[in-house]
N, C-alpha and C. Protein backbone atom coordinates (compact mmCIF):
# COMPACT_ATOMS: atom_id res chain seq x y z
N ILE A 1 0.90 -1.19 -0.01
CA ILE A 1 0.07 0.03 0.03
C ILE A 1 0.80 1.12 -0.09
N PRO A 2 0.90 2.25 -0.88
CA PRO A 2 1.53 3.34 -0.95
C PRO A 2 1.40 4.34 0.33
N GLN A 3 2.35 4.92 0.36
CA GLN A 3 2.41 6.10 1.50
C GLN A 3 1.32 7.02 1.15
N ILE A 4 1.07 7.83 2.05
CA ILE A 4 -0.11 9.22 1.86
C ILE A 4 0.63 10.18 0.94
N ASP A 5 1.93 10.23 0.69
CA ASP A 5 2.30 11.19 -0.05
C ASP A 5 2.53 11.09 -1.50
N VAL A 6 2.32 9.76 -1.87
CA VAL A 6 1.91 9.40 -3.23
C VAL A 6 0.99 10.30 -3.88
N PHE A 7 0.12 11.06 -3.12
CA PHE A 7 -0.89 11.81 -3.84
C PHE A 7 -0.46 13.55 -3.68
N MET A 8 0.65 13.73 -3.23
CA MET A 8 0.97 15.05 -2.78
C MET A 8 0.92 16.01 -4.07
N ASP A 9 1.29 15.48 -5.16
CA ASP A 9 1.40 16.38 -6.25
C ASP A 9 0.09 16.77 -7.04
N ASN A 10 -1.11 16.27 -6.43
CA ASN A 10 -2.30 16.24 -6.95
C ASN A 10 -2.52 15.98 -8.39
N GLY A 11 -1.77 15.16 -8.78
CA GLY A 11 -2.06 14.50 -10.27
C GLY A 11 -3.24 13.62 -10.28
N VAL A 12 -3.88 13.69 -11.38
CA VAL A 12 -4.96 12.72 -11.48
C VAL A 12 -4.48 11.60 -12.62
N THR A 13 -4.98 10.31 -12.28
CA THR A 13 -4.54 9.15 -13.03
C THR A 13 -5.45 9.19 -14.47
N ARG A 14 -5.14 8.26 -15.32
CA ARG A 14 -5.91 8.12 -16.42
C ARG A 14 -7.42 7.53 -16.13
N GLU A 15 -7.30 6.69 -15.33
CA GLU A 15 -8.78 6.23 -14.82
C GLU A 15 -9.49 7.34 -14.30
N GLU A 16 -8.84 8.22 -13.53
CA GLU A 16 -9.65 9.46 -12.59
C GLU A 16 -10.02 10.44 -13.97
N MET A 17 -9.20 10.56 -14.90
CA MET A 17 -9.68 11.39 -16.08
C MET A 17 -10.82 10.92 -16.70
N LYS A 18 -10.80 9.34 -16.87
CA LYS A 18 -11.98 8.70 -17.44
C LYS A 18 -13.19 9.04 -16.60
N LEU A 19 -13.08 8.86 -15.38
CA LEU A 19 -14.21 9.21 -14.73
C LEU A 19 -14.74 10.56 -14.85
N TYR A 20 -13.85 11.64 -14.64
CA TYR A 20 -14.26 13.08 -14.91
C TYR A 20 -14.98 13.11 -16.34
N ASP A 21 -14.29 12.59 -17.33
CA ASP A 21 -14.98 12.46 -18.77
C ASP A 21 -16.34 11.94 -18.82
N LEU A 22 -16.45 10.82 -18.13
CA LEU A 22 -17.85 10.19 -17.98
C LEU A 22 -18.78 11.11 -17.37
N ILE A 23 -18.56 11.69 -16.16
CA ILE A 23 -19.25 12.73 -15.48
C ILE A 23 -19.67 13.96 -16.36
N MET A 24 -18.69 14.47 -17.04
CA MET A 24 -18.93 15.50 -17.89
C MET A 24 -19.76 15.18 -19.05
N SER A 25 -19.73 13.96 -19.71
CA SER A 25 -20.37 13.59 -20.68
C SER A 25 -22.01 13.31 -20.29
N TYR A 26 -21.97 12.86 -19.06
CA TYR A 26 -23.42 12.47 -18.42
C TYR A 26 -24.15 13.79 -18.26
N ARG A 27 -23.37 14.92 -17.71
CA ARG A 27 -23.88 16.25 -17.47
C ARG A 27 -24.26 16.88 -18.82
N ALA A 28 -23.47 16.77 -19.97
CA ALA A 28 -23.70 17.14 -21.27
C ALA A 28 -24.92 16.59 -21.79
N ASP A 29 -25.23 15.32 -21.66
CA ASP A 29 -26.34 14.63 -22.24
C ASP A 29 -27.70 15.14 -21.41
N ASN A 30 -27.41 15.82 -20.27
CA ASN A 30 -28.50 16.38 -19.50
C ASN A 30 -28.59 17.99 -19.46
N HIS A 31 -27.80 18.50 -20.72
CA HIS A 31 -27.88 20.05 -20.80
C HIS A 31 -27.18 20.69 -19.68
N LEU A 32 -26.24 20.09 -19.03
CA LEU A 32 -25.59 20.91 -18.15
C LEU A 32 -24.01 21.22 -18.47
N PRO A 33 -23.57 22.25 -17.89
CA PRO A 33 -22.23 22.72 -18.21
C PRO A 33 -21.16 21.80 -17.69
N LYS A 34 -19.84 21.80 -18.37
CA LYS A 34 -18.74 21.39 -18.00
C LYS A 34 -18.28 21.76 -16.61
N ILE A 35 -17.75 21.12 -15.42
CA ILE A 35 -17.23 21.46 -14.37
C ILE A 35 -15.76 21.62 -14.34
N PRO A 36 -14.99 22.71 -14.09
CA PRO A 36 -13.58 22.64 -13.88
C PRO A 36 -12.98 21.82 -13.02
N LEU A 37 -11.97 20.78 -13.57
CA LEU A 37 -11.45 20.05 -12.51
C LEU A 37 -10.51 21.03 -11.76
N SER A 38 -10.54 20.53 -10.41
CA SER A 38 -10.04 21.45 -9.35
C SER A 38 -8.77 20.63 -8.88
N ARG A 39 -7.66 21.29 -8.51
CA ARG A 39 -6.53 20.89 -7.88
C ARG A 39 -6.69 20.67 -6.56
N SER A 40 -7.17 21.55 -5.85
CA SER A 40 -7.62 21.51 -4.38
C SER A 40 -8.65 20.41 -4.02
N LEU A 41 -9.84 20.33 -4.73
CA LEU A 41 -10.66 19.31 -4.46
C LEU A 41 -10.24 17.71 -4.82
N SER A 42 -9.33 17.83 -6.00
CA SER A 42 -8.60 16.30 -6.24
C SER A 42 -7.86 15.98 -4.97
N TYR A 43 -6.93 16.86 -4.29
CA TYR A 43 -6.18 16.69 -3.35
C TYR A 43 -7.11 16.15 -2.29
N VAL A 44 -8.00 16.73 -1.90
CA VAL A 44 -9.15 16.13 -0.67
C VAL A 44 -9.47 14.91 -1.15
N ALA A 45 -9.81 14.61 -2.39
CA ALA A 45 -10.57 13.43 -2.89
C ALA A 45 -9.34 12.44 -2.57
N HIS A 46 -8.12 12.60 -3.15
CA HIS A 46 -7.06 11.65 -2.87
C HIS A 46 -6.77 11.28 -1.48
N GLN A 47 -6.89 12.25 -0.76
CA GLN A 47 -6.54 11.95 0.78
C GLN A 47 -7.61 10.99 1.28
N HIS A 48 -8.88 11.31 0.95
CA HIS A 48 -9.98 10.67 1.40
C HIS A 48 -10.14 9.15 0.95
N VAL A 49 -9.90 8.98 -0.46
CA VAL A 49 -9.79 7.41 -0.82
C VAL A 49 -8.79 6.83 -0.26
N TRP A 50 -7.67 7.36 0.01
CA TRP A 50 -6.54 6.81 0.74
C TRP A 50 -6.80 6.27 2.02
N ASP A 51 -7.49 7.21 2.72
CA ASP A 51 -7.87 7.04 4.19
C ASP A 51 -9.02 5.93 4.23
N LEU A 52 -9.79 6.03 3.44
CA LEU A 52 -11.00 4.86 3.16
C LEU A 52 -10.38 3.63 2.87
N GLU A 53 -9.46 3.40 2.03
CA GLU A 53 -8.82 2.19 1.59
C GLU A 53 -7.87 1.83 2.83
N VAL A 54 -6.93 2.33 3.21
CA VAL A 54 -5.95 1.88 4.22
C VAL A 54 -6.39 2.03 5.58
N ASN A 55 -7.02 3.11 6.15
CA ASN A 55 -7.37 3.07 7.55
C ASN A 55 -9.03 2.71 7.94
N GLN A 56 -9.85 2.60 6.78
CA GLN A 56 -11.01 2.06 6.93
C GLN A 56 -11.87 2.63 8.08
N PRO A 57 -12.10 3.92 7.91
CA PRO A 57 -13.01 4.69 8.87
C PRO A 57 -14.41 4.36 8.98
N GLU A 58 -14.73 3.88 7.86
CA GLU A 58 -16.22 3.46 7.86
C GLU A 58 -16.55 2.01 8.58
N GLY A 59 -17.80 1.97 8.88
CA GLY A 59 -18.01 0.72 9.51
C GLY A 59 -19.08 1.02 10.79
N GLY A 60 -19.71 0.18 11.16
CA GLY A 60 -20.65 0.53 12.28
C GLY A 60 -21.70 1.43 11.87
N LYS A 61 -21.77 2.52 12.60
CA LYS A 61 -22.80 3.61 12.21
C LYS A 61 -22.08 4.77 11.48
N CYS A 62 -20.62 4.55 10.98
CA CYS A 62 -19.96 5.66 10.20
C CYS A 62 -19.98 5.16 8.93
N ASN A 63 -20.42 6.12 7.91
CA ASN A 63 -20.49 5.91 6.56
C ASN A 63 -19.24 6.23 5.84
N MET A 64 -19.24 6.24 4.47
CA MET A 64 -17.98 6.45 3.63
C MET A 64 -17.59 7.97 3.71
N HIS A 65 -18.44 8.81 4.51
CA HIS A 65 -17.88 10.26 4.36
C HIS A 65 -17.01 10.39 5.82
N SER A 66 -16.86 9.22 6.38
CA SER A 66 -16.19 9.49 7.69
C SER A 66 -14.67 9.50 7.37
N TRP A 67 -13.84 10.01 8.37
CA TRP A 67 -12.37 10.17 8.28
C TRP A 67 -11.80 9.62 9.49
N SER A 68 -10.65 8.81 9.34
CA SER A 68 -9.97 8.35 10.37
C SER A 68 -9.12 9.17 11.30
N LYS A 69 -8.62 8.87 12.35
CA LYS A 69 -7.58 9.58 13.30
C LYS A 69 -6.41 9.60 12.70
N LYS A 70 -6.01 8.79 11.59
CA LYS A 70 -4.53 8.49 11.15
C LYS A 70 -4.06 9.38 9.92
N GLY A 71 -4.21 10.70 9.83
CA GLY A 71 -3.69 11.48 8.97
C GLY A 71 -3.70 12.96 9.26
N PRO A 72 -3.30 13.71 8.49
CA PRO A 72 -3.13 15.31 8.65
C PRO A 72 -4.49 15.99 8.47
N TRP A 73 -5.69 15.39 9.07
CA TRP A 73 -6.89 15.86 9.06
C TRP A 73 -7.56 15.79 10.39
N SER A 74 -8.87 16.23 10.76
CA SER A 74 -9.49 16.05 11.71
C SER A 74 -10.37 14.92 11.55
N SER A 75 -10.59 13.96 12.49
CA SER A 75 -11.35 12.61 12.29
C SER A 75 -12.96 13.10 12.39
N CYS A 76 -13.65 12.05 11.96
CA CYS A 76 -15.05 12.28 11.86
C CYS A 76 -15.63 10.82 11.60
N CYS A 77 -16.87 10.53 12.44
CA CYS A 77 -17.70 9.36 12.25
C CYS A 77 -18.93 10.17 11.63
N TYR A 78 -18.97 9.99 10.33
CA TYR A 78 -20.46 10.67 9.63
C TYR A 78 -21.33 9.55 9.62
N THR A 79 -22.30 10.13 10.30
CA THR A 79 -23.58 8.97 10.17
C THR A 79 -24.76 9.45 9.25
N ASP A 80 -25.62 8.67 9.06
CA ASP A 80 -26.76 8.85 8.02
C ASP A 80 -27.59 9.75 8.54
N ASP A 81 -27.62 10.38 9.72
CA ASP A 81 -28.55 11.38 10.06
C ASP A 81 -27.78 12.86 9.63
N HIS A 82 -26.69 12.80 8.96
CA HIS A 82 -25.95 13.92 8.71
C HIS A 82 -25.55 15.15 9.60
N LYS A 83 -25.53 14.63 10.76
CA LYS A 83 -25.18 15.61 11.91
C LYS A 83 -23.72 16.19 11.87
N GLN A 84 -23.09 15.33 11.11
CA GLN A 84 -21.58 15.68 10.74
C GLN A 84 -21.35 16.55 9.47
N ALA A 85 -22.33 16.83 8.89
CA ALA A 85 -22.15 17.30 7.41
C ALA A 85 -21.15 18.53 7.53
N GLN A 86 -21.11 19.46 8.55
CA GLN A 86 -20.34 20.65 8.32
C GLN A 86 -19.01 20.25 8.45
N HIS A 87 -18.53 19.06 9.15
CA HIS A 87 -17.28 18.43 9.17
C HIS A 87 -16.92 18.07 7.74
N MET A 88 -17.82 17.52 6.84
CA MET A 88 -17.43 17.22 5.34
C MET A 88 -17.17 18.53 4.70
N TRP A 89 -18.16 19.34 4.79
CA TRP A 89 -18.27 20.64 4.03
C TRP A 89 -16.93 21.51 4.18
N ASP A 90 -16.37 21.36 5.64
CA ASP A 90 -14.92 22.04 5.75
C ASP A 90 -13.90 21.45 5.30
N LYS A 91 -13.77 20.16 4.97
CA LYS A 91 -12.82 19.58 4.70
C LYS A 91 -11.70 19.99 3.78
N PRO A 92 -12.14 20.72 2.65
CA PRO A 92 -11.25 21.34 1.56
C PRO A 92 -10.64 22.75 2.34
N LYS A 93 -11.26 23.30 3.19
CA LYS A 93 -10.70 24.60 3.96
C LYS A 93 -9.60 23.96 4.82
N GLU A 94 -9.91 22.85 5.37
CA GLU A 94 -9.01 22.19 6.51
C GLU A 94 -7.64 21.67 5.68
N LEU A 95 -7.80 21.23 4.63
CA LEU A 95 -6.78 20.46 3.79
C LEU A 95 -6.03 21.32 2.90
N THR A 96 -6.65 22.42 2.17
CA THR A 96 -6.08 23.22 1.05
C THR A 96 -6.42 24.52 1.41
N SER A 97 -6.04 25.42 0.19
CA SER A 97 -6.35 26.86 0.33
C SER A 97 -7.64 27.04 -0.40
N TYR A 98 -8.60 26.21 -0.87
CA TYR A 98 -9.87 26.33 -1.28
C TYR A 98 -10.62 26.72 -0.07
N GLN A 99 -11.20 27.83 -0.27
CA GLN A 99 -12.18 28.40 0.87
C GLN A 99 -13.67 28.14 0.92
N GLY A 100 -14.01 27.43 -0.33
CA GLY A 100 -15.44 27.10 -0.26
C GLY A 100 -15.76 25.79 0.51
N ASP A 101 -16.99 25.51 0.43
CA ASP A 101 -17.58 24.08 1.22
C ASP A 101 -17.16 23.12 -0.04
N GLY A 102 -17.12 21.88 0.60
CA GLY A 102 -17.05 20.75 -0.63
C GLY A 102 -18.13 19.67 0.00
N PHE A 103 -18.80 19.22 -1.13
CA PHE A 103 -19.71 18.21 -1.32
C PHE A 103 -19.36 16.93 -1.82
N GLU A 104 -19.15 15.88 -1.02
CA GLU A 104 -18.83 14.65 -1.58
C GLU A 104 -19.82 13.54 -1.89
N ILE A 105 -19.43 12.73 -2.99
CA ILE A 105 -20.34 11.54 -3.21
C ILE A 105 -19.08 10.51 -3.29
N ALA A 106 -19.44 9.39 -2.59
CA ALA A 106 -18.55 8.29 -2.43
C ALA A 106 -19.27 6.86 -2.75
N CYS A 107 -18.26 5.82 -3.43
CA CYS A 107 -18.87 4.64 -3.63
C CYS A 107 -17.64 3.80 -3.52
N GLY A 108 -18.04 2.64 -3.23
CA GLY A 108 -17.01 1.38 -3.02
C GLY A 108 -17.20 0.59 -1.91
N GLY A 109 -15.94 -0.09 -1.47
CA GLY A 109 -16.03 -0.98 -0.38
C GLY A 109 -16.32 -2.30 -0.65
N ASN A 110 -16.52 -2.70 -2.06
CA ASN A 110 -16.84 -4.03 -2.66
C ASN A 110 -15.91 -4.61 -3.51
N GLY A 111 -14.61 -4.22 -3.56
CA GLY A 111 -13.81 -4.60 -4.59
C GLY A 111 -13.37 -3.50 -5.52
N GLN A 112 -12.19 -3.89 -6.21
CA GLN A 112 -11.88 -2.94 -7.08
C GLN A 112 -12.75 -2.19 -7.84
N ILE A 113 -12.60 -0.85 -7.96
CA ILE A 113 -13.74 0.03 -8.58
C ILE A 113 -12.83 0.67 -9.91
N ASP A 114 -13.67 0.89 -11.04
CA ASP A 114 -13.30 1.88 -12.00
C ASP A 114 -14.33 2.83 -12.33
N ALA A 115 -13.95 3.63 -13.21
CA ALA A 115 -14.73 4.67 -13.62
C ALA A 115 -16.02 4.58 -13.93
N ALA A 116 -16.25 3.38 -14.89
CA ALA A 116 -17.50 3.29 -15.13
C ALA A 116 -18.45 2.61 -13.88
N VAL A 117 -17.94 1.81 -13.13
CA VAL A 117 -18.55 1.23 -12.00
C VAL A 117 -18.89 2.23 -11.05
N ALA A 118 -18.10 3.29 -10.85
CA ALA A 118 -18.31 4.34 -9.85
C ALA A 118 -19.40 5.38 -10.30
N LEU A 119 -19.49 5.49 -11.65
CA LEU A 119 -20.67 6.41 -12.15
C LEU A 119 -21.97 5.54 -12.21
N SER A 120 -21.92 4.51 -12.48
CA SER A 120 -23.05 3.64 -12.54
C SER A 120 -23.59 3.52 -10.95
N CYS A 121 -22.85 3.40 -10.01
CA CYS A 121 -23.10 3.46 -8.57
C CYS A 121 -23.93 4.78 -8.42
N TRP A 122 -23.25 5.77 -8.62
CA TRP A 122 -23.97 7.18 -8.36
C TRP A 122 -25.25 7.25 -9.24
N GLN A 123 -25.38 6.72 -10.42
CA GLN A 123 -26.56 7.11 -11.17
C GLN A 123 -27.67 6.38 -10.41
N GLY A 124 -27.29 5.01 -9.90
CA GLY A 124 -28.41 4.45 -9.36
C GLY A 124 -28.90 4.74 -8.00
N SER A 125 -28.29 5.80 -7.39
CA SER A 125 -28.53 6.57 -6.33
C SER A 125 -29.26 7.91 -6.34
N VAL A 126 -30.49 8.02 -6.19
CA VAL A 126 -31.13 9.29 -6.34
C VAL A 126 -30.27 10.33 -5.73
N HIS A 127 -30.13 10.41 -4.56
CA HIS A 127 -29.36 11.45 -3.89
C HIS A 127 -27.95 11.84 -4.65
N HIS A 128 -27.18 10.79 -4.95
CA HIS A 128 -25.89 10.91 -5.52
C HIS A 128 -26.03 11.55 -6.86
N ASN A 129 -27.08 10.90 -7.63
CA ASN A 129 -27.33 11.40 -8.90
C ASN A 129 -27.83 12.84 -9.16
N ASP A 130 -28.62 13.18 -8.06
CA ASP A 130 -29.21 14.59 -7.90
C ASP A 130 -28.07 15.55 -7.82
N VAL A 131 -26.76 15.30 -7.13
CA VAL A 131 -25.78 16.18 -6.96
C VAL A 131 -25.24 16.36 -8.27
N ILE A 132 -24.78 15.17 -8.94
CA ILE A 132 -24.01 15.12 -10.24
C ILE A 132 -24.88 15.91 -11.19
N LEU A 133 -26.21 15.87 -11.32
CA LEU A 133 -26.97 16.59 -12.22
C LEU A 133 -27.67 17.85 -11.88
N ASN A 134 -27.36 18.35 -10.62
CA ASN A 134 -28.07 19.62 -9.99
C ASN A 134 -29.53 19.68 -9.98
N LYS A 135 -30.19 18.35 -9.21
CA LYS A 135 -31.27 18.33 -9.31
C LYS A 135 -31.80 18.42 -7.77
N ASP A 136 -33.21 18.55 -7.56
CA ASP A 136 -33.70 18.54 -6.13
C ASP A 136 -33.12 19.71 -5.40
N ILE A 137 -32.54 19.44 -4.17
CA ILE A 137 -32.04 20.41 -3.61
C ILE A 137 -30.69 21.22 -4.08
N TRP A 138 -30.39 20.57 -5.18
CA TRP A 138 -28.77 21.16 -5.83
C TRP A 138 -29.45 22.07 -6.97
N LYS A 139 -30.72 22.17 -7.35
CA LYS A 139 -31.01 22.73 -8.65
C LYS A 139 -30.55 24.12 -8.86
N ASP A 140 -30.55 24.88 -7.80
CA ASP A 140 -30.37 26.36 -7.75
C ASP A 140 -28.82 26.74 -7.79
N TYR A 141 -28.02 25.54 -7.68
CA TYR A 141 -26.54 25.64 -7.49
C TYR A 141 -25.93 25.37 -8.69
N THR A 142 -24.68 26.06 -8.82
CA THR A 142 -23.86 26.05 -9.78
C THR A 142 -22.53 25.43 -9.38
N TRP A 143 -21.89 24.33 -9.88
CA TRP A 143 -20.83 23.84 -9.50
C TRP A 143 -19.71 24.40 -10.28
N ASN A 144 -18.76 24.95 -9.75
CA ASN A 144 -17.62 25.63 -10.46
C ASN A 144 -16.12 24.96 -9.82
N ALA A 145 -16.39 23.76 -9.33
CA ALA A 145 -15.03 22.99 -9.13
C ALA A 145 -15.37 21.65 -8.85
N ILE A 146 -14.77 20.70 -9.35
CA ILE A 146 -14.69 19.20 -9.04
C ILE A 146 -13.52 18.60 -8.77
N GLY A 147 -13.47 17.61 -7.87
CA GLY A 147 -12.43 16.86 -7.62
C GLY A 147 -12.41 15.36 -7.66
N ILE A 148 -11.62 14.63 -8.06
CA ILE A 148 -12.09 13.22 -8.44
C ILE A 148 -10.89 12.42 -7.92
N SER A 149 -11.21 11.12 -7.19
CA SER A 149 -10.07 10.28 -6.95
C SER A 149 -10.70 8.87 -6.95
N ILE A 150 -9.79 7.88 -7.43
CA ILE A 150 -10.20 6.46 -7.38
C ILE A 150 -8.98 5.72 -6.83
N TYR A 151 -9.24 4.85 -5.76
CA TYR A 151 -7.93 4.27 -5.29
C TYR A 151 -8.54 2.87 -4.56
N GLY A 152 -7.94 1.85 -5.03
CA GLY A 152 -8.19 0.56 -4.24
C GLY A 152 -9.87 0.25 -4.52
N ASP A 153 -10.57 0.06 -3.53
CA ASP A 153 -12.13 -0.29 -3.62
C ASP A 153 -12.99 0.82 -3.58
N TYR A 154 -12.23 2.29 -3.73
CA TYR A 154 -13.22 3.38 -3.47
C TYR A 154 -12.98 4.38 -4.70
N ALA A 155 -14.18 5.19 -4.85
CA ALA A 155 -14.10 6.47 -5.76
C ALA A 155 -14.80 7.44 -5.01
N VAL A 156 -14.29 8.63 -5.20
CA VAL A 156 -14.90 9.90 -4.56
C VAL A 156 -14.89 10.96 -5.33
N VAL A 157 -15.83 11.74 -5.29
CA VAL A 157 -15.94 13.06 -6.17
C VAL A 157 -16.31 14.03 -5.07
N TRP A 158 -15.58 15.22 -5.38
CA TRP A 158 -15.98 16.51 -4.43
C TRP A 158 -16.46 17.60 -5.39
N PHE A 159 -17.48 18.27 -4.87
CA PHE A 159 -18.00 19.44 -5.61
C PHE A 159 -17.96 20.51 -4.89
N GLY A 160 -17.83 21.73 -5.54
CA GLY A 160 -17.72 22.86 -4.87
C GLY A 160 -18.33 24.15 -5.79
N PHE A 161 -18.77 25.21 -4.92
CA PHE A 161 -19.56 26.32 -5.56
C PHE A 161 -18.47 27.30 -6.10
N GLU A 162 -17.47 27.35 -5.37
CA GLU A 162 -16.37 28.40 -5.64
C GLU A 162 -15.31 27.98 -6.72
N LYS A 163 -14.88 28.74 -7.66
CA LYS A 163 -13.72 28.47 -8.44
C LYS A 163 -12.52 28.07 -7.62
N ASP A 164 -11.82 27.22 -8.13
CA ASP A 164 -10.46 26.86 -7.46
C ASP A 164 -9.27 27.58 -7.97
N GLN A 165 -8.71 28.69 -7.24
CA GLN A 165 -7.77 29.61 -7.61
C GLN A 165 -6.54 28.81 -7.79
N SER A 166 -6.40 27.66 -7.37
CA SER A 166 -5.11 26.92 -7.50
C SER A 166 -5.04 26.07 -8.73
N GLY A 167 -6.02 26.28 -9.41
CA GLY A 167 -6.03 25.44 -10.96
C GLY A 167 -6.54 24.20 -11.04
N GLU A 168 -6.07 23.52 -12.07
CA GLU A 168 -6.23 22.03 -12.34
C GLU A 168 -5.04 21.31 -11.77
N PRO A 169 -5.43 20.17 -11.56
CA PRO A 169 -4.29 19.12 -11.16
C PRO A 169 -3.49 18.65 -12.34
N THR A 170 -2.31 18.20 -12.50
CA THR A 170 -1.55 17.67 -13.28
C THR A 170 -2.36 16.36 -13.81
N LYS A 171 -2.03 16.01 -15.08
CA LYS A 171 -2.56 14.70 -15.49
C LYS A 171 -1.45 13.61 -15.61
N CYS A 172 -1.57 12.63 -14.91
CA CYS A 172 -0.36 11.38 -14.80
C CYS A 172 -0.53 10.66 -16.03
N LYS A 173 0.33 10.26 -16.45
CA LYS A 173 0.49 9.41 -17.76
C LYS A 173 0.26 7.74 -17.47
């Protein structure tokens, strides 16, 4: 298992770019604009999938939005009642220079995951699909930043309202 610093350059892999492209194509099919890929939100996504895969903070009452005590972040047991939502929203501010809130969708825990499986997972969940397609409670919002990561059994995507002043991540070969 790689060390946490494997993701420090904020590069996105080919599979992560594939997921980004699939999400943008899905949004375009639904007459929605492309969302700029964010260096900061991709960093947060990389840290979180690593934590999910290696430290496994989910389990019991803690869902995939939970964070362990084993990293340079504050820990959180995120429960289905969303009482810890602010903890998730603040994660980009905690870990990067991105000053907006972050909203995460997560999928995995059942074996190796790829871009197509991840998108299918979220399309099959009304609430996650609503985030991607700006429906229901998200209909009046515009996403101006998106971060993506896939690692081991997990995929996560972070959405933000504010533009990321740090720009886009590098694309790994």
